[in-house]
């Protein structure tokens, strides 16, 4: 880096974090609305948010050294 040059750095978390949590919330809202309003039991629909939860859990546990990404 040069001494008088301004550099912008971007710090971000896991790569797909911006759409995983809203997708989990969406599936859970669909599940609860179908279960309690229409009385349709779709137990396998709960498995999708559980699988999506495993992705962030990896970065919290085993991938903690690769959690933050610093780009220029």
PDB file of N, CA and C in Angstrom:
ATOM      1  N   UNK A   1       0.831  -1.175   0.000  1.00  0.00           N
ATOM      2  CA  UNK A   1       0.000   0.000   0.000  1.00  0.00           C
ATOM      3  C   UNK A   1       0.878   1.242   0.000  1.00  0.00           C
ATOM      4  N   UNK A   2       0.420   2.212  -0.733  1.00  0.00           N
ATOM      5  CA  UNK A   2       1.144   3.474  -0.757  1.00  0.00           C
ATOM      6  C   UNK A   2       0.735   4.314   0.433  1.00  0.00           C
ATOM      7  N   UNK A   3       1.580   5.238   0.772  1.00  0.00           N
ATOM      8  CA  UNK A   3       1.380   5.999   1.984  1.00  0.00           C
ATOM      9  C   UNK A   3       0.171   6.933   1.930  1.00  0.00           C
ATOM     10  N   UNK A   4      -0.089   7.595   0.821  1.00  0.00           N
ATOM     11  CA  UNK A   4      -1.169   8.567   0.733  1.00  0.00           C
ATOM     12  C   UNK A   4      -2.403   8.031   0.017  1.00  0.00           C
ATOM     13  N   UNK A   5      -2.476   6.761  -0.185  1.00  0.00           N
ATOM     14  CA  UNK A   5      -3.602   6.175  -0.899  1.00  0.00           C
ATOM     15  C   UNK A   5      -4.653   5.675   0.094  1.00  0.00           C
ATOM     16  N   UNK A   6      -5.909   6.026  -0.169  1.00  0.00           N
ATOM     17  CA  UNK A   6      -7.011   5.559   0.658  1.00  0.00           C
ATOM     18  C   UNK A   6      -7.490   4.211   0.136  1.00  0.00           C
ATOM     19  N   UNK A   7      -7.591   3.254   1.028  1.00  0.00           N
ATOM     20  CA  UNK A   7      -8.029   1.909   0.658  1.00  0.00           C
ATOM     21  C   UNK A   7      -9.284   1.573   1.446  1.00  0.00           C
ATOM     22  N   UNK A   8     -10.270   1.029   0.761  1.00  0.00           N
ATOM     23  CA  UNK A   8     -11.503   0.604   1.401  1.00  0.00           C
ATOM     24  C   UNK A   8     -11.468  -0.900   1.577  1.00  0.00           C
ATOM     25  N   UNK A   9     -11.693  -1.344   2.791  1.00  0.00           N
ATOM     26  CA  UNK A   9     -11.712  -2.767   3.104  1.00  0.00           C
ATOM     27  C   UNK A   9     -13.124  -3.166   3.492  1.00  0.00           C
ATOM     28  N   UNK A  10     -13.509  -4.376   3.120  1.00  0.00           N
ATOM     29  CA  UNK A  10     -14.833  -4.892   3.439  1.00  0.00           C
ATOM     30  C   UNK A  10     -14.669  -6.128   4.316  1.00  0.00           C
ATOM     31  N   UNK A  11     -15.301  -6.105   5.472  1.00  0.00           N
ATOM     32  CA  UNK A  11     -15.265  -7.224   6.401  1.00  0.00           C
ATOM     33  C   UNK A  11     -16.637  -7.882   6.409  1.00  0.00           C
ATOM     34  N   UNK A  12     -16.666  -9.183   6.134  1.00  0.00           N
ATOM     35  CA  UNK A  12     -17.947  -9.876   6.080  1.00  0.00           C
ATOM     36  C   UNK A  12     -17.842 -11.214   6.800  1.00  0.00           C
ATOM     37  N   UNK A  13     -19.002 -11.746   7.145  1.00  0.00           N
ATOM     38  CA  UNK A  13     -19.081 -13.041   7.816  1.00  0.00           C
ATOM     39  C   UNK A  13     -19.190 -14.150   6.796  1.00  0.00           C
ATOM     40  N   UNK A  14     -19.936 -15.194   7.130  1.00  0.00           N
ATOM     41  CA  UNK A  14     -20.041 -16.318   6.202  1.00  0.00           C
ATOM     42  C   UNK A  14     -20.764 -15.907   4.926  1.00  0.00           C
ATOM     43  N   UNK A  15     -20.426 -16.573   3.870  1.00  0.00           N
ATOM     44  CA  UNK A  15     -20.761 -16.140   2.512  1.00  0.00           C
ATOM     45  C   UNK A  15     -22.260 -16.035   2.249  1.00  0.00           C
ATOM     46  N   UNK A  16     -23.041 -16.998   2.645  1.00  0.00           N
ATOM     47  CA  UNK A  16     -24.465 -17.010   2.315  1.00  0.00           C
ATOM     48  C   UNK A  16     -25.352 -16.622   3.495  1.00  0.00           C
ATOM     49  N   UNK A  17     -24.803 -15.912   4.447  1.00  0.00           N
ATOM     50  CA  UNK A  17     -25.541 -15.552   5.644  1.00  0.00           C
ATOM     51  C   UNK A  17     -26.695 -14.601   5.402  1.00  0.00           C
ATOM     52  N   UNK A  18     -26.655 -13.850   4.311  1.00  0.00           N
ATOM     53  CA  UNK A  18     -27.715 -12.880   4.053  1.00  0.00           C
ATOM     54  C   UNK A  18     -29.003 -13.531   3.583  1.00  0.00           C
ATOM     55  N   UNK A  19     -28.939 -14.757   3.091  1.00  0.00           N
ATOM     56  CA  UNK A  19     -30.178 -15.395   2.632  1.00  0.00           C
ATOM     57  C   UNK A  19     -30.523 -16.666   3.400  1.00  0.00           C
ATOM     58  N   UNK A  20     -29.603 -17.209   4.189  1.00  0.00           N
ATOM     59  CA  UNK A  20     -29.906 -18.436   4.933  1.00  0.00           C
ATOM     60  C   UNK A  20     -30.890 -18.171   6.073  1.00  0.00           C
ATOM     61  N   UNK A  21     -30.645 -17.145   6.863  1.00  0.00           N
ATOM     62  CA  UNK A  21     -31.531 -16.877   7.994  1.00  0.00           C
ATOM     63  C   UNK A  21     -32.933 -16.464   7.541  1.00  0.00           C
ATOM     64  N   UNK A  22     -33.100 -15.607   6.530  1.00  0.00           N
ATOM     65  CA  UNK A  22     -34.463 -15.338   6.055  1.00  0.00           C
ATOM     66  C   UNK A  22     -35.142 -16.570   5.459  1.00  0.00           C
ATOM     67  N   UNK A  23     -34.387 -17.446   4.812  1.00  0.00           N
ATOM     68  CA  UNK A  23     -34.975 -18.670   4.266  1.00  0.00           C
ATOM     69  C   UNK A  23     -35.454 -19.580   5.396  1.00  0.00           C
ATOM     70  N   UNK A  24     -34.676 -19.673   6.467  1.00  0.00           N
ATOM     71  CA  UNK A  24     -35.104 -20.469   7.619  1.00  0.00           C
ATOM     72  C   UNK A  24     -36.388 -19.907   8.212  1.00  0.00           C
ATOM     73  N   UNK A  25     -36.437 -18.606   8.354  1.00  0.00           N
ATOM     74  CA  UNK A  25     -37.638 -17.973   8.898  1.00  0.00           C
ATOM     75  C   UNK A  25     -38.841 -18.197   7.992  1.00  0.00           C
ATOM     76  N   UNK A  26     -38.632 -18.106   6.680  1.00  0.00           N
ATOM     77  CA  UNK A  26     -39.719 -18.334   5.728  1.00  0.00           C
ATOM     78  C   UNK A  26     -40.284 -19.741   5.809  1.00  0.00           C
ATOM     79  N   UNK A  27     -39.412 -20.736   5.874  1.00  0.00           N
ATOM     80  CA  UNK A  27     -39.881 -22.119   5.987  1.00  0.00           C
ATOM     81  C   UNK A  27     -40.624 -22.356   7.293  1.00  0.00           C
ATOM     82  N   UNK A  28     -40.145 -21.746   8.372  1.00  0.00           N
ATOM     83  CA  UNK A  28     -40.830 -21.922   9.648  1.00  0.00           C
ATOM     84  C   UNK A  28     -42.189 -21.239   9.663  1.00  0.00           C
ATOM     85  N   UNK A  29     -42.298 -20.069   9.040  1.00  0.00           N
ATOM     86  CA  UNK A  29     -43.590 -19.385   8.955  1.00  0.00           C
ATOM     87  C   UNK A  29     -44.573 -20.206   8.126  1.00  0.00           C
ATOM     88  N   UNK A  30     -44.118 -20.764   7.018  1.00  0.00           N
ATOM     89  CA  UNK A  30     -44.972 -21.618   6.191  1.00  0.00           C
ATOM     90  C   UNK A  30     -45.422 -22.845   6.982  1.00  0.00           C
ATOM     91  N   UNK A  31     -44.492 -23.455   7.706  1.00  0.00           N
ATOM     92  CA  UNK A  31     -44.838 -24.637   8.488  1.00  0.00           C
ATOM     93  C   UNK A  31     -45.899 -24.321   9.541  1.00  0.00           C
ATOM     94  N   UNK A  32     -45.670 -23.263  10.316  1.00  0.00           N
ATOM     95  CA  UNK A  32     -46.617 -22.948  11.379  1.00  0.00           C
ATOM     96  C   UNK A  32     -47.957 -22.471  10.839  1.00  0.00           C
ATOM     97  N   UNK A  33     -47.956 -21.755   9.730  1.00  0.00           N
ATOM     98  CA  UNK A  33     -49.236 -21.324   9.166  1.00  0.00           C
ATOM     99  C   UNK A  33     -50.012 -22.515   8.601  1.00  0.00           C
ATOM    100  N   UNK A  34     -49.335 -23.460   7.971  1.00  0.00           N
ATOM    101  CA  UNK A  34     -50.025 -24.653   7.468  1.00  0.00           C
ATOM    102  C   UNK A  34     -50.497 -25.552   8.603  1.00  0.00           C
ATOM    103  N   UNK A  35     -49.706 -25.619   9.670  1.00  0.00           N
ATOM    104  CA  UNK A  35     -50.062 -26.498  10.784  1.00  0.00           C
ATOM    105  C   UNK A  35     -51.246 -25.966  11.583  1.00  0.00           C
ATOM    106  N   UNK A  36     -51.218 -24.701  11.907  1.00  0.00           N
ATOM    107  CA  UNK A  36     -52.228 -24.183  12.827  1.00  0.00           C
ATOM    108  C   UNK A  36     -53.441 -23.572  12.132  1.00  0.00           C
ATOM    109  N   UNK A  37     -53.293 -23.065  10.936  1.00  0.00           N
ATOM    110  CA  UNK A  37     -54.433 -22.462  10.249  1.00  0.00           C
ATOM    111  C   UNK A  37     -55.163 -23.464   9.363  1.00  0.00           C
ATOM    112  N   UNK A  38     -54.410 -24.261   8.618  1.00  0.00           N
ATOM    113  CA  UNK A  38     -55.027 -25.214   7.695  1.00  0.00           C
ATOM    114  C   UNK A  38     -55.024 -26.641   8.235  1.00  0.00           C
ATOM    115  N   UNK A  39     -54.408 -26.849   9.389  1.00  0.00           N
ATOM    116  CA  UNK A  39     -54.314 -28.162  10.046  1.00  0.00           C
ATOM    117  C   UNK A  39     -53.733 -29.237   9.127  1.00  0.00           C
ATOM    118  N   UNK A  40     -52.678 -28.867   8.420  1.00  0.00           N
ATOM    119  CA  UNK A  40     -51.935 -29.800   7.560  1.00  0.00           C
ATOM    120  C   UNK A  40     -50.603 -30.080   8.251  1.00  0.00           C
ATOM    121  N   UNK A  41     -50.309 -31.331   8.473  1.00  0.00           N
ATOM    122  CA  UNK A  41     -49.068 -31.711   9.143  1.00  0.00           C
ATOM    123  C   UNK A  41     -47.981 -31.981   8.102  1.00  0.00           C
ATOM    124  N   UNK A  42     -47.011 -31.127   8.051  1.00  0.00           N
ATOM    125  CA  UNK A  42     -45.862 -31.287   7.150  1.00  0.00           C
ATOM    126  C   UNK A  42     -44.590 -31.290   7.990  1.00  0.00           C
ATOM    127  N   UNK A  43     -44.351 -32.372   8.687  1.00  0.00           N
ATOM    128  CA  UNK A  43     -43.223 -32.443   9.602  1.00  0.00           C
ATOM    129  C   UNK A  43     -41.888 -32.373   8.868  1.00  0.00           C
ATOM    130  N   UNK A  44     -41.844 -32.835   7.636  1.00  0.00           N
ATOM    131  CA  UNK A  44     -40.583 -32.781   6.886  1.00  0.00           C
ATOM    132  C   UNK A  44     -40.201 -31.355   6.530  1.00  0.00           C
ATOM    133  N   UNK A  45     -41.141 -30.416   6.582  1.00  0.00           N
ATOM    134  CA  UNK A  45     -40.832 -29.015   6.287  1.00  0.00           C
ATOM    135  C   UNK A  45     -39.967 -28.399   7.389  1.00  0.00           C
ATOM    136  N   UNK A  46     -39.989 -28.972   8.587  1.00  0.00           N
ATOM    137  CA  UNK A  46     -39.143 -28.493   9.676  1.00  0.00           C
ATOM    138  C   UNK A  46     -37.696 -28.899   9.438  1.00  0.00           C
ATOM    139  N   UNK A  47     -37.461 -29.960   8.701  1.00  0.00           N
ATOM    140  CA  UNK A  47     -36.097 -30.424   8.458  1.00  0.00           C
ATOM    141  C   UNK A  47     -35.288 -29.454   7.613  1.00  0.00           C
ATOM    142  N   UNK A  48     -35.935 -28.698   6.743  1.00  0.00           N
ATOM    143  CA  UNK A  48     -35.222 -27.753   5.882  1.00  0.00           C
ATOM    144  C   UNK A  48     -34.534 -26.662   6.710  1.00  0.00           C
ATOM    145  N   UNK A  49     -35.230 -25.988   7.661  1.00  0.00           N
ATOM    146  CA  UNK A  49     -34.509 -25.013   8.491  1.00  0.00           C
ATOM    147  C   UNK A  49     -33.416 -25.636   9.352  1.00  0.00           C
ATOM    148  N   UNK A  50     -33.615 -26.876   9.782  1.00  0.00           N
ATOM    149  CA  UNK A  50     -32.576 -27.544  10.573  1.00  0.00           C
ATOM    150  C   UNK A  50     -31.323 -27.755   9.721  1.00  0.00           C
ATOM    151  N   UNK A  51     -31.510 -28.167   8.484  1.00  0.00           N
ATOM    152  CA  UNK A  51     -30.363 -28.347   7.581  1.00  0.00           C
ATOM    153  C   UNK A  51     -29.698 -27.009   7.296  1.00  0.00           C
ATOM    154  N   UNK A  52     -30.504 -25.960   7.092  1.00  0.00           N
ATOM    155  CA  UNK A  52     -29.938 -24.636   6.854  1.00  0.00           C
ATOM    156  C   UNK A  52     -29.217 -24.098   8.084  1.00  0.00           C
ATOM    157  N   UNK A  53     -29.612 -24.528   9.266  1.00  0.00           N
ATOM    158  CA  UNK A  53     -28.950 -24.094  10.492  1.00  0.00           C
ATOM    159  C   UNK A  53     -27.560 -24.712  10.622  1.00  0.00           C
ATOM    160  N   UNK A  54     -27.345 -25.840  10.013  1.00  0.00           N
ATOM    161  CA  UNK A  54     -26.040 -26.504  10.105  1.00  0.00           C
ATOM    162  C   UNK A  54     -24.932 -25.697   9.437  1.00  0.00           C
ATOM    163  N   UNK A  55     -25.255 -24.923   8.413  1.00  0.00           N
ATOM    164  CA  UNK A  55     -24.239 -24.122   7.717  1.00  0.00           C
ATOM    165  C   UNK A  55     -23.629 -23.061   8.631  1.00  0.00           C
ATOM    166  N   UNK A  56     -24.424 -22.212   9.306  1.00  0.00           N
ATOM    167  CA  UNK A  56     -23.800 -21.265  10.231  1.00  0.00           C
ATOM    168  C   UNK A  56     -23.147 -21.936  11.436  1.00  0.00           C
ATOM    169  N   UNK A  57     -23.666 -23.071  11.840  1.00  0.00           N
ATOM    170  CA  UNK A  57     -23.080 -23.772  12.985  1.00  0.00           C
ATOM    171  C   UNK A  57     -21.659 -24.260  12.681  1.00  0.00           C
ATOM    172  N   UNK A  58     -21.389 -24.577  11.428  1.00  0.00           N
ATOM    173  CA  UNK A  58     -20.034 -24.986  11.050  1.00  0.00           C
ATOM    174  C   UNK A  58     -19.052 -23.850  11.313  1.00  0.00           C
ATOM    175  N   UNK A  59     -19.426 -22.625  10.924  1.00  0.00           N
ATOM    176  CA  UNK A  59     -18.518 -21.498  11.094  1.00  0.00           C
ATOM    177  C   UNK A  59     -18.380 -21.085  12.550  1.00  0.00           C
ATOM    178  N   UNK A  60     -19.371 -21.389  13.363  1.00  0.00           N
ATOM    179  CA  UNK A  60     -19.273 -21.073  14.784  1.00  0.00           C
ATOM    180  C   UNK A  60     -18.364 -22.078  15.498  1.00  0.00           C
ATOM    181  N   UNK A  61     -18.324 -23.318  15.012  1.00  0.00           N
ATOM    182  CA  UNK A  61     -17.565 -24.363  15.696  1.00  0.00           C
ATOM    183  C   UNK A  61     -16.252 -24.671  14.984  1.00  0.00           C
ATOM    184  N   UNK A  62     -16.289 -25.506  13.965  1.00  0.00           N
ATOM    185  CA  UNK A  62     -15.071 -26.001  13.311  1.00  0.00           C
ATOM    186  C   UNK A  62     -14.415 -24.973  12.403  1.00  0.00           C
ATOM    187  N   UNK A  63     -15.195 -24.140  11.751  1.00  0.00           N
ATOM    188  CA  UNK A  63     -14.636 -23.188  10.798  1.00  0.00           C
ATOM    189  C   UNK A  63     -14.417 -21.811  11.366  1.00  0.00           C
ATOM    190  N   UNK A  64     -14.200 -21.726  12.673  1.00  0.00           N
ATOM    191  CA  UNK A  64     -14.076 -20.419  13.314  1.00  0.00           C
ATOM    192  C   UNK A  64     -12.880 -19.620  12.812  1.00  0.00           C
ATOM    193  N   UNK A  65     -11.847 -20.284  12.309  1.00  0.00           N
ATOM    194  CA  UNK A  65     -10.686 -19.574  11.794  1.00  0.00           C
ATOM    195  C   UNK A  65     -10.928 -19.014  10.392  1.00  0.00           C
ATOM    196  N   UNK A  66     -11.965 -19.489   9.713  1.00  0.00           N
ATOM    197  CA  UNK A  66     -12.278 -18.996   8.370  1.00  0.00           C
ATOM    198  C   UNK A  66     -13.599 -18.228   8.342  1.00  0.00           C
ATOM    199  N   UNK A  67     -14.040 -17.742   9.495  1.00  0.00           N
ATOM    200  CA  UNK A  67     -15.352 -17.094   9.591  1.00  0.00           C
ATOM    201  C   UNK A  67     -15.358 -15.707   8.962  1.00  0.00           C
ATOM    202  N   UNK A  68     -14.377 -14.888   9.265  1.00  0.00           N
ATOM    203  CA  UNK A  68     -14.340 -13.523   8.756  1.00  0.00           C
ATOM    204  C   UNK A  68     -13.565 -13.445   7.448  1.00  0.00           C
ATOM    205  N   UNK A  69     -14.093 -12.660   6.513  1.00  0.00           N
ATOM    206  CA  UNK A  69     -13.450 -12.489   5.212  1.00  0.00           C
ATOM    207  C   UNK A  69     -13.139 -11.005   5.033  1.00  0.00           C
ATOM    208  N   UNK A  70     -11.896 -10.688   4.811  1.00  0.00           N
ATOM    209  CA  UNK A  70     -11.463  -9.311   4.604  1.00  0.00           C
ATOM    210  C   UNK A  70     -11.059  -9.143   3.153  1.00  0.00           C
ATOM    211  N   UNK A  71     -11.779  -8.285   2.425  1.00  0.00           N
ATOM    212  CA  UNK A  71     -11.465  -8.046   1.014  1.00  0.00           C
ATOM    213  C   UNK A  71     -11.212  -6.568   0.788  1.00  0.00           C
ATOM    214  N   UNK A  72     -10.447  -6.274  -0.237  1.00  0.00           N
ATOM    215  CA  UNK A  72     -10.114  -4.895  -0.578  1.00  0.00           C
ATOM    216  C   UNK A  72     -11.079  -4.341  -1.589  1.00  0.00           C
TER     217      UNK A  72
END
